[in-house]
Amino acid sequence: MTSENQSLPPAKSPWFWGVPVLASAMAILLWVTQTNQALFILLNGAVGGEILWSHVTLLGDALVALVLLSPFVGRRPEILWSALLATLLAVLWVHGMKELLQVLRPAAVLEASEIVIIGPTHRLSAFPSGHSTTIFTLVGVVVVCLRQSSWAIGLLTLAALVALSRVMVGAHWPLDILGGAFGGWLAALGGVWLNQRMPWGRGRIVQGLIGLFLAVAAVWLFQFDTGYSLAMGFQRVLAGLCLGFSVWGLWRLIRQCKD
């Protein structure tokens, strides 16, 4: 396996505070200026189209995002274990805040003529965006563990696009996706921190179970209904590739046990 970086970056490092501070600053600006709704109307449906944003937003679906961890099976146990722990924290953040705040989504506030909706129509539990939280949680874990600028720039750009897609498909307000980025990144830091204190999760048995889970999830993904039928072909390609990565990673773990 490649060398592992299991420690959190120092608090002064941009890998630690960059995303949550930027997300907080932008959220405060939107709140103070009362431009959350205006920005949504400006962005929603402005560029791209159904095909583009259906494909981009697919990557924030919880099942899809988890399956995308498959390339790390048998290679980076600290990433898989940190991601699993971070996912649990992210679930608490998303569902806790949704139940507490009960913010209405754009479809429940705006007239039909004011909004472009791609995919399913949701009206309740806006803050925070689950897709945004999911992608920033998993990207955060990978970025913090790898700490390679070349990877970080690409992954953060991807995460930002996935978060933005939630506005473009009419599912969330800008504040929702900023809340997702904030909570998702903190969940990622929490997952890496817990990984340091629970090293048994990096053992081959737990890693094998995670790999098996990801393989089953990849099979499930072939027919899973995300609500974005235009991206089904892309979804199945991802499922096939990630199933292959999971099986290959499990084979690597089996071989390591024999050595």
C-alpha atoms as a PDB file:
ATOM      1  CA  MET A   1       0.000   0.000   0.000  1.00  0.00           C
ATOM      2  CA  THR A   2       1.055   3.589  -0.480  1.00  0.00           C
ATOM      3  CA  SER A   3       2.205   5.622   2.476  1.00  0.00           C
ATOM      4  CA  GLU A   4      -0.576   6.910   4.668  1.00  0.00           C
ATOM      5  CA  ASN A   5      -1.185  10.418   5.987  1.00  0.00           C
ATOM      6  CA  GLN A   6      -3.403   9.815   8.974  1.00  0.00           C
ATOM      7  CA  SER A   7      -2.967  13.112  10.816  1.00  0.00           C
ATOM      8  CA  LEU A   8      -4.987  16.283  10.559  1.00  0.00           C
ATOM      9  CA  PRO A   9      -3.294  19.278   8.955  1.00  0.00           C
ATOM     10  CA  PRO A  10      -2.258  22.047  11.394  1.00  0.00           C
ATOM     11  CA  ALA A  11      -5.029  24.490  12.265  1.00  0.00           C
ATOM     12  CA  LYS A  12      -3.287  27.290  10.344  1.00  0.00           C
ATOM     13  CA  SER A  13      -3.207  25.219   7.159  1.00  0.00           C
ATOM     14  CA  PRO A  14      -5.678  26.157   4.383  1.00  0.00           C
ATOM     15  CA  TRP A  15      -6.526  22.440   4.136  1.00  0.00           C
ATOM     16  CA  PHE A  16      -7.984  22.783   7.632  1.00  0.00           C
ATOM     17  CA  TRP A  17      -9.936  26.027   7.600  1.00  0.00           C
ATOM     18  CA  GLY A  18     -10.151  27.164   3.975  1.00  0.00           C
ATOM     19  CA  VAL A  19     -13.468  25.645   2.898  1.00  0.00           C
ATOM     20  CA  PRO A  20     -15.512  26.212   6.090  1.00  0.00           C
ATOM     21  CA  VAL A  21     -14.276  29.790   6.482  1.00  0.00           C
ATOM     22  CA  LEU A  22     -14.991  30.654   2.850  1.00  0.00           C
ATOM     23  CA  ALA A  23     -18.410  28.981   2.990  1.00  0.00           C
ATOM     24  CA  SER A  24     -19.244  30.808   6.229  1.00  0.00           C
ATOM     25  CA  ALA A  25     -18.150  34.177   4.840  1.00  0.00           C
ATOM     26  CA  MET A  26     -20.239  33.736   1.702  1.00  0.00           C
ATOM     27  CA  ALA A  27     -23.249  32.572   3.718  1.00  0.00           C
ATOM     28  CA  ILE A  28     -23.012  35.562   6.070  1.00  0.00           C
ATOM     29  CA  LEU A  29     -22.775  37.900   3.072  1.00  0.00           C
ATOM     30  CA  LEU A  30     -25.911  36.403   1.519  1.00  0.00           C
ATOM     31  CA  TRP A  31     -27.737  36.575   4.841  1.00  0.00           C
ATOM     32  CA  VAL A  32     -26.782  40.181   5.617  1.00  0.00           C
ATOM     33  CA  THR A  33     -27.548  41.433   2.111  1.00  0.00           C
ATOM     34  CA  GLN A  34     -30.731  39.337   1.848  1.00  0.00           C
ATOM     35  CA  THR A  35     -29.701  38.200  -1.637  1.00  0.00           C
ATOM     36  CA  ASN A  36     -30.144  34.445  -1.225  1.00  0.00           C
ATOM     37  CA  GLN A  37     -33.344  34.310  -3.287  1.00  0.00           C
ATOM     38  CA  ALA A  38     -32.113  36.831  -5.856  1.00  0.00           C
ATOM     39  CA  LEU A  39     -28.921  34.851  -6.437  1.00  0.00           C
ATOM     40  CA  PHE A  40     -30.930  31.665  -6.859  1.00  0.00           C
ATOM     41  CA  ILE A  41     -33.115  33.277  -9.521  1.00  0.00           C
ATOM     42  CA  LEU A  42     -30.016  34.646 -11.268  1.00  0.00           C
ATOM     43  CA  LEU A  43     -28.242  31.273 -11.362  1.00  0.00           C
ATOM     44  CA  ASN A  44     -31.049  28.745 -11.762  1.00  0.00           C
ATOM     45  CA  GLY A  45     -31.239  27.633 -15.368  1.00  0.00           C
ATOM     46  CA  ALA A  46     -28.834  30.365 -16.504  1.00  0.00           C
ATOM     47  CA  VAL A  47     -26.309  28.110 -18.250  1.00  0.00           C
ATOM     48  CA  GLY A  48     -25.993  24.476 -19.255  1.00  0.00           C
ATOM     49  CA  GLY A  49     -29.107  22.370 -19.512  1.00  0.00           C
ATOM     50  CA  GLU A  50     -30.871  19.255 -18.319  1.00  0.00           C
ATOM     51  CA  ILE A  51     -28.272  16.803 -19.595  1.00  0.00           C
ATOM     52  CA  LEU A  52     -25.250  18.624 -18.158  1.00  0.00           C
ATOM     53  CA  TRP A  53     -26.638  19.312 -14.704  1.00  0.00           C
ATOM     54  CA  SER A  54     -28.272  15.896 -14.373  1.00  0.00           C
ATOM     55  CA  HIS A  55     -24.841  14.338 -14.812  1.00  0.00           C
ATOM     56  CA  VAL A  56     -23.062  16.760 -12.477  1.00  0.00           C
ATOM     57  CA  THR A  57     -25.624  16.569  -9.668  1.00  0.00           C
ATOM     58  CA  LEU A  58     -25.555  12.759  -9.826  1.00  0.00           C
ATOM     59  CA  LEU A  59     -22.090  12.844  -8.239  1.00  0.00           C
ATOM     60  CA  GLY A  60     -23.547  14.291  -5.037  1.00  0.00           C
ATOM     61  CA  ASP A  61     -25.973  11.424  -4.502  1.00  0.00           C
ATOM     62  CA  ALA A  62     -24.929   9.571  -1.351  1.00  0.00           C
ATOM     63  CA  LEU A  63     -24.814   6.125  -2.976  1.00  0.00           C
ATOM     64  CA  VAL A  64     -22.896   7.363  -6.018  1.00  0.00           C
ATOM     65  CA  ALA A  65     -20.385   9.306  -3.930  1.00  0.00           C
ATOM     66  CA  LEU A  66     -19.710   6.361  -1.631  1.00  0.00           C
ATOM     67  CA  VAL A  67     -19.210   4.000  -4.566  1.00  0.00           C
ATOM     68  CA  LEU A  68     -16.643   6.436  -5.969  1.00  0.00           C
ATOM     69  CA  LEU A  69     -14.406   5.514  -3.023  1.00  0.00           C
ATOM     70  CA  SER A  70     -13.875   2.077  -4.601  1.00  0.00           C
ATOM     71  CA  PRO A  71     -10.459   2.896  -6.141  1.00  0.00           C
ATOM     72  CA  PHE A  72      -9.071   3.182  -2.598  1.00  0.00           C
ATOM     73  CA  VAL A  73     -10.021  -0.387  -1.609  1.00  0.00           C
ATOM     74  CA  GLY A  74      -6.841  -2.303  -0.815  1.00  0.00           C
ATOM     75  CA  ARG A  75      -4.737   0.815  -1.345  1.00  0.00           C
ATOM     76  CA  ARG A  76      -5.541   3.598   1.109  1.00  0.00           C
ATOM     77  CA  PRO A  77      -7.183   2.190   4.242  1.00  0.00           C
ATOM     78  CA  GLU A  78      -6.978   5.509   6.076  1.00  0.00           C
ATOM     79  CA  ILE A  79      -9.083   7.189   3.386  1.00  0.00           C
ATOM     80  CA  LEU A  80     -11.782   4.509   3.433  1.00  0.00           C
ATOM     81  CA  TRP A  81     -11.989   4.424   7.223  1.00  0.00           C
ATOM     82  CA  SER A  82     -11.940   8.219   7.555  1.00  0.00           C
ATOM     83  CA  ALA A  83     -14.630   8.506   4.879  1.00  0.00           C
ATOM     84  CA  LEU A  84     -16.888   5.997   6.619  1.00  0.00           C
ATOM     85  CA  LEU A  85     -16.570   7.818   9.941  1.00  0.00           C
ATOM     86  CA  ALA A  86     -17.006  11.198   8.265  1.00  0.00           C
ATOM     87  CA  THR A  87     -20.143   9.972   6.520  1.00  0.00           C
ATOM     88  CA  LEU A  88     -21.733   9.172   9.871  1.00  0.00           C
ATOM     89  CA  LEU A  89     -20.964  12.702  11.085  1.00  0.00           C
ATOM     90  CA  ALA A  90     -22.322  14.177   7.853  1.00  0.00           C
ATOM     91  CA  VAL A  91     -25.583  12.265   8.257  1.00  0.00           C
ATOM     92  CA  LEU A  92     -25.995  13.751  11.741  1.00  0.00           C
ATOM     93  CA  TRP A  93     -25.328  17.242  10.375  1.00  0.00           C
ATOM     94  CA  VAL A  94     -27.744  16.992   7.462  1.00  0.00           C
ATOM     95  CA  HIS A  95     -30.669  15.322   9.166  1.00  0.00           C
ATOM     96  CA  GLY A  96     -30.204  17.207  12.429  1.00  0.00           C
ATOM     97  CA  MET A  97     -30.239  20.612  10.749  1.00  0.00           C
ATOM     98  CA  LYS A  98     -33.056  19.723   8.350  1.00  0.00           C
ATOM     99  CA  GLU A  99     -35.280  18.643  11.243  1.00  0.00           C
ATOM    100  CA  LEU A 100     -34.314  21.658  13.338  1.00  0.00           C
ATOM    101  CA  LEU A 101     -34.691  24.416  10.744  1.00  0.00           C
ATOM    102  CA  GLN A 102     -37.387  23.101   8.365  1.00  0.00           C
ATOM    103  CA  VAL A 103     -36.474  25.573   5.610  1.00  0.00           C
ATOM    104  CA  LEU A 104     -38.712  25.518   2.535  1.00  0.00           C
ATOM    105  CA  ARG A 105     -37.101  24.793  -0.828  1.00  0.00           C
ATOM    106  CA  PRO A 106     -37.351  27.084  -3.867  1.00  0.00           C
ATOM    107  CA  ALA A 107     -40.227  25.086  -5.391  1.00  0.00           C
ATOM    108  CA  ALA A 108     -42.323  25.819  -2.299  1.00  0.00           C
ATOM    109  CA  VAL A 109     -41.566  29.550  -2.310  1.00  0.00           C
ATOM    110  CA  LEU A 110     -41.325  30.669  -5.929  1.00  0.00           C
ATOM    111  CA  GLU A 111     -43.895  30.661  -8.702  1.00  0.00           C
ATOM    112  CA  ALA A 112     -43.513  27.957 -11.356  1.00  0.00           C
ATOM    113  CA  SER A 113     -42.565  30.620 -13.905  1.00  0.00           C
ATOM    114  CA  GLU A 114     -39.638  31.737 -11.741  1.00  0.00           C
ATOM    115  CA  ILE A 115     -37.863  28.408 -11.423  1.00  0.00           C
ATOM    116  CA  VAL A 116     -36.334  25.758 -13.666  1.00  0.00           C
ATOM    117  CA  ILE A 117     -36.545  22.282 -12.138  1.00  0.00           C
ATOM    118  CA  ILE A 118     -34.481  19.395 -13.466  1.00  0.00           C
ATOM    119  CA  GLY A 119     -35.307  16.017 -11.972  1.00  0.00           C
ATOM    120  CA  PRO A 120     -37.580  15.485  -8.965  1.00  0.00           C
ATOM    121  CA  THR A 121     -39.402  18.366  -7.290  1.00  0.00           C
ATOM    122  CA  HIS A 122     -38.689  18.790  -3.577  1.00  0.00           C
ATOM    123  CA  ARG A 123     -40.408  21.359  -1.387  1.00  0.00           C
ATOM    124  CA  LEU A 124     -39.301  20.728   2.199  1.00  0.00           C
ATOM    125  CA  SER A 125     -36.120  20.411   4.283  1.00  0.00           C
ATOM    126  CA  ALA A 126     -33.844  22.694   2.293  1.00  0.00           C
ATOM    127  CA  PHE A 127     -30.969  23.471   4.677  1.00  0.00           C
ATOM    128  CA  PRO A 128     -28.379  22.078   4.354  1.00  0.00           C
ATOM    129  CA  SER A 129     -28.062  20.462   0.924  1.00  0.00           C
ATOM    130  CA  GLY A 130     -27.457  16.740   1.307  1.00  0.00           C
ATOM    131  CA  HIS A 131     -25.693  16.488  -2.055  1.00  0.00           C
ATOM    132  CA  SER A 132     -23.398  19.393  -1.198  1.00  0.00           C
ATOM    133  CA  THR A 133     -22.633  17.932   2.220  1.00  0.00           C
ATOM    134  CA  THR A 134     -21.916  14.511   0.715  1.00  0.00           C
ATOM    135  CA  ILE A 135     -19.499  15.669  -1.963  1.00  0.00           C
ATOM    136  CA  PHE A 136     -17.608  18.026   0.357  1.00  0.00           C
ATOM    137  CA  THR A 137     -17.359  15.320   3.007  1.00  0.00           C
ATOM    138  CA  LEU A 138     -15.791  12.767   0.689  1.00  0.00           C
ATOM    139  CA  VAL A 139     -13.656  15.259  -1.241  1.00  0.00           C
ATOM    140  CA  GLY A 140     -12.564  16.730   2.086  1.00  0.00           C
ATOM    141  CA  VAL A 141     -11.361  13.359   3.345  1.00  0.00           C
ATOM    142  CA  VAL A 142      -9.397  12.679   0.162  1.00  0.00           C
ATOM    143  CA  VAL A 143      -7.865  16.165   0.057  1.00  0.00           C
ATOM    144  CA  VAL A 144      -6.892  16.151   3.739  1.00  0.00           C
ATOM    145  CA  CYS A 145      -5.381  12.668   3.515  1.00  0.00           C
ATOM    146  CA  LEU A 146      -3.516  13.218   0.240  1.00  0.00           C
ATOM    147  CA  ARG A 147      -2.579  16.892   0.670  1.00  0.00           C
ATOM    148  CA  GLN A 148      -1.461  17.231  -2.913  1.00  0.00           C
ATOM    149  CA  SER A 149      -2.263  20.572  -4.512  1.00  0.00           C
ATOM    150  CA  SER A 150      -2.723  19.090  -7.975  1.00  0.00           C
ATOM    151  CA  TRP A 151      -5.405  16.712  -6.697  1.00  0.00           C
ATOM    152  CA  ALA A 152      -6.925  19.277  -4.335  1.00  0.00           C
ATOM    153  CA  ILE A 153      -7.604  21.901  -6.991  1.00  0.00           C
ATOM    154  CA  GLY A 154      -9.364  19.444  -9.273  1.00  0.00           C
ATOM    155  CA  LEU A 155     -11.377  17.795  -6.513  1.00  0.00           C
ATOM    156  CA  LEU A 156     -12.442  21.088  -4.941  1.00  0.00           C
ATOM    157  CA  THR A 157     -13.519  22.381  -8.341  1.00  0.00           C
ATOM    158  CA  LEU A 158     -15.569  19.223  -8.823  1.00  0.00           C
ATOM    159  CA  ALA A 159     -17.145  19.587  -5.370  1.00  0.00           C
ATOM    160  CA  ALA A 160     -18.034  23.215  -6.073  1.00  0.00           C
ATOM    161  CA  LEU A 161     -19.680  22.274  -9.383  1.00  0.00           C
ATOM    162  CA  VAL A 162     -21.684  19.475  -7.762  1.00  0.00           C
ATOM    163  CA  ALA A 163     -22.832  21.875  -5.045  1.00  0.00           C
ATOM    164  CA  LEU A 164     -23.707  24.529  -7.639  1.00  0.00           C
ATOM    165  CA  SER A 165     -25.706  21.947  -9.571  1.00  0.00           C
ATOM    166  CA  ARG A 166     -28.232  21.839  -6.739  1.00  0.00           C
ATOM    167  CA  VAL A 167     -29.130  25.445  -7.503  1.00  0.00           C
ATOM    168  CA  MET A 168     -29.075  24.807 -11.239  1.00  0.00           C
ATOM    169  CA  VAL A 169     -31.557  21.913 -10.958  1.00  0.00           C
ATOM    170  CA  GLY A 170     -33.834  24.006  -8.744  1.00  0.00           C
ATOM    171  CA  ALA A 171     -33.472  21.870  -5.623  1.00  0.00           C
ATOM    172  CA  HIS A 172     -31.686  24.242  -3.220  1.00  0.00           C
ATOM    173  CA  TRP A 173     -30.963  27.836  -2.300  1.00  0.00           C
ATOM    174  CA  PRO A 174     -27.365  29.123  -2.412  1.00  0.00           C
ATOM    175  CA  LEU A 175     -27.356  29.194   1.404  1.00  0.00           C
ATOM    176  CA  ASP A 176     -28.201  25.488   1.439  1.00  0.00           C
ATOM    177  CA  ILE A 177     -25.177  24.497  -0.613  1.00  0.00           C
ATOM    178  CA  LEU A 178     -22.875  26.724   1.442  1.00  0.00           C
ATOM    179  CA  GLY A 179     -24.202  25.041   4.577  1.00  0.00           C
ATOM    180  CA  GLY A 180     -23.490  21.694   2.968  1.00  0.00           C
ATOM    181  CA  ALA A 181     -19.920  22.679   2.109  1.00  0.00           C
ATOM    182  CA  PHE A 182     -19.359  23.955   5.662  1.00  0.00           C
ATOM    183  CA  GLY A 183     -20.782  20.898   7.410  1.00  0.00           C
ATOM    184  CA  GLY A 184     -19.332  18.425   4.939  1.00  0.00           C
ATOM    185  CA  TRP A 185     -15.789  19.704   5.355  1.00  0.00           C
ATOM    186  CA  LEU A 186     -16.044  19.699   9.147  1.00  0.00           C
ATOM    187  CA  ALA A 187     -17.377  16.139   8.953  1.00  0.00           C
ATOM    188  CA  ALA A 188     -14.337  15.229   6.852  1.00  0.00           C
ATOM    189  CA  LEU A 189     -11.979  16.694   9.456  1.00  0.00           C
ATOM    190  CA  GLY A 190     -13.892  14.833  12.153  1.00  0.00           C
ATOM    191  CA  GLY A 191     -13.588  11.586  10.216  1.00  0.00           C
ATOM    192  CA  VAL A 192      -9.816  11.961   9.852  1.00  0.00           C
ATOM    193  CA  TRP A 193      -9.542  12.829  13.554  1.00  0.00           C
ATOM    194  CA  LEU A 194     -11.539   9.730  14.551  1.00  0.00           C
ATOM    195  CA  ASN A 195      -9.434   7.616  12.197  1.00  0.00           C
ATOM    196  CA  GLN A 196      -6.370   8.583  14.240  1.00  0.00           C
ATOM    197  CA  ARG A 197      -8.021   7.398  17.437  1.00  0.00           C
ATOM    198  CA  MET A 198      -9.617   4.234  16.059  1.00  0.00           C
ATOM    199  CA  PRO A 199      -6.796   2.542  14.132  1.00  0.00           C
ATOM    200  CA  TRP A 200      -8.513  -0.850  14.163  1.00  0.00           C
ATOM    201  CA  GLY A 201     -10.665   0.354  11.267  1.00  0.00           C
ATOM    202  CA  ARG A 202      -7.596   0.311   9.039  1.00  0.00           C
ATOM    203  CA  GLY A 203      -7.094  -3.411   9.602  1.00  0.00           C
ATOM    204  CA  ARG A 204      -7.634  -5.868   6.776  1.00  0.00           C
ATOM    205  CA  ILE A 205     -10.846  -7.353   8.181  1.00  0.00           C
ATOM    206  CA  VAL A 206     -12.634  -4.005   8.444  1.00  0.00           C
ATOM    207  CA  GLN A 207     -11.158  -2.868   5.132  1.00  0.00           C
ATOM    208  CA  GLY A 208     -12.402  -6.066   3.521  1.00  0.00           C
ATOM    209  CA  LEU A 209     -15.889  -5.468   4.887  1.00  0.00           C
ATOM    210  CA  ILE A 210     -15.843  -1.905   3.574  1.00  0.00           C
ATOM    211  CA  GLY A 211     -14.664  -3.159   0.186  1.00  0.00           C
ATOM    212  CA  LEU A 212     -17.428  -5.768   0.119  1.00  0.00           C
ATOM    213  CA  PHE A 213     -19.991  -3.121   1.027  1.00  0.00           C
ATOM    214  CA  LEU A 214     -18.772  -0.885  -1.805  1.00  0.00           C
ATOM    215  CA  ALA A 215     -18.950  -3.793  -4.268  1.00  0.00           C
ATOM    216  CA  VAL A 216     -22.560  -4.507  -3.263  1.00  0.00           C
ATOM    217  CA  ALA A 217     -23.348  -0.787  -3.467  1.00  0.00           C
ATOM    218  CA  ALA A 218     -21.896  -0.678  -6.988  1.00  0.00           C
ATOM    219  CA  VAL A 219     -24.171  -3.548  -8.045  1.00  0.00           C
ATOM    220  CA  TRP A 220     -27.145  -1.757  -6.490  1.00  0.00           C
ATOM    221  CA  LEU A 221     -26.192   1.412  -8.351  1.00  0.00           C
ATOM    222  CA  PHE A 222     -26.854  -0.239 -11.723  1.00  0.00           C
ATOM    223  CA  GLN A 223     -30.628   0.064 -11.164  1.00  0.00           C
ATOM    224  CA  PHE A 224     -30.843   2.650  -8.372  1.00  0.00           C
ATOM    225  CA  ASP A 225     -33.266   5.501  -9.109  1.00  0.00           C
ATOM    226  CA  THR A 226     -31.551   8.801  -8.314  1.00  0.00           C
ATOM    227  CA  GLY A 227     -34.339  10.799  -9.927  1.00  0.00           C
ATOM    228  CA  TYR A 228     -32.105  11.866 -12.818  1.00  0.00           C
ATOM    229  CA  SER A 229     -32.953   9.493 -15.643  1.00  0.00           C
ATOM    230  CA  LEU A 230     -30.940  11.491 -18.194  1.00  0.00           C
ATOM    231  CA  ALA A 231     -27.774  10.449 -16.357  1.00  0.00           C
ATOM    232  CA  MET A 232     -28.626   6.734 -16.118  1.00  0.00           C
ATOM    233  CA  GLY A 233     -26.059   5.732 -18.750  1.00  0.00           C
ATOM    234  CA  PHE A 234     -23.330   7.630 -16.894  1.00  0.00           C
ATOM    235  CA  GLN A 235     -24.534   6.108 -13.625  1.00  0.00           C
ATOM    236  CA  ARG A 236     -24.181   2.576 -14.982  1.00  0.00           C
ATOM    237  CA  VAL A 237     -20.706   3.278 -16.358  1.00  0.00           C
ATOM    238  CA  LEU A 238     -19.653   4.492 -12.907  1.00  0.00           C
ATOM    239  CA  ALA A 239     -21.243   1.422 -11.321  1.00  0.00           C
ATOM    240  CA  GLY A 240     -19.333  -0.930 -13.621  1.00  0.00           C
ATOM    241  CA  LEU A 241     -15.991   0.811 -13.143  1.00  0.00           C
ATOM    242  CA  CYS A 242     -16.371   1.008  -9.375  1.00  0.00           C
ATOM    243  CA  LEU A 243     -17.456  -2.624  -9.135  1.00  0.00           C
ATOM    244  CA  GLY A 244     -14.243  -3.521 -10.937  1.00  0.00           C
ATOM    245  CA  PHE A 245     -12.175  -1.369  -8.577  1.00  0.00           C
ATOM    246  CA  SER A 246     -13.860  -2.936  -5.532  1.00  0.00           C
ATOM    247  CA  VAL A 247     -13.286  -6.501  -6.716  1.00  0.00           C
ATOM    248  CA  TRP A 248      -9.666  -5.768  -7.609  1.00  0.00           C
ATOM    249  CA  GLY A 249      -9.120  -4.096  -4.235  1.00  0.00           C
ATOM    250  CA  LEU A 250     -10.621  -7.066  -2.407  1.00  0.00           C
ATOM    251  CA  TRP A 251      -8.324  -9.369  -4.356  1.00  0.00           C
ATOM    252  CA  ARG A 252      -5.349  -7.251  -3.259  1.00  0.00           C
ATOM    253  CA  LEU A 253      -6.455  -7.572   0.371  1.00  0.00           C
ATOM    254  CA  ILE A 254      -6.791 -11.353   0.033  1.00  0.00           C
ATOM    255  CA  ARG A 255      -3.313 -11.593  -1.462  1.00  0.00           C
ATOM    256  CA  GLN A 256      -1.898  -9.455   1.346  1.00  0.00           C
ATOM    257  CA  CYS A 257      -3.399 -11.845   3.907  1.00  0.00           C
ATOM    258  CA  LYS A 258      -1.602 -14.744   2.214  1.00  0.00           C
ATOM    259  CA  ASP A 259       1.776 -12.985   2.182  1.00  0.00           C
END
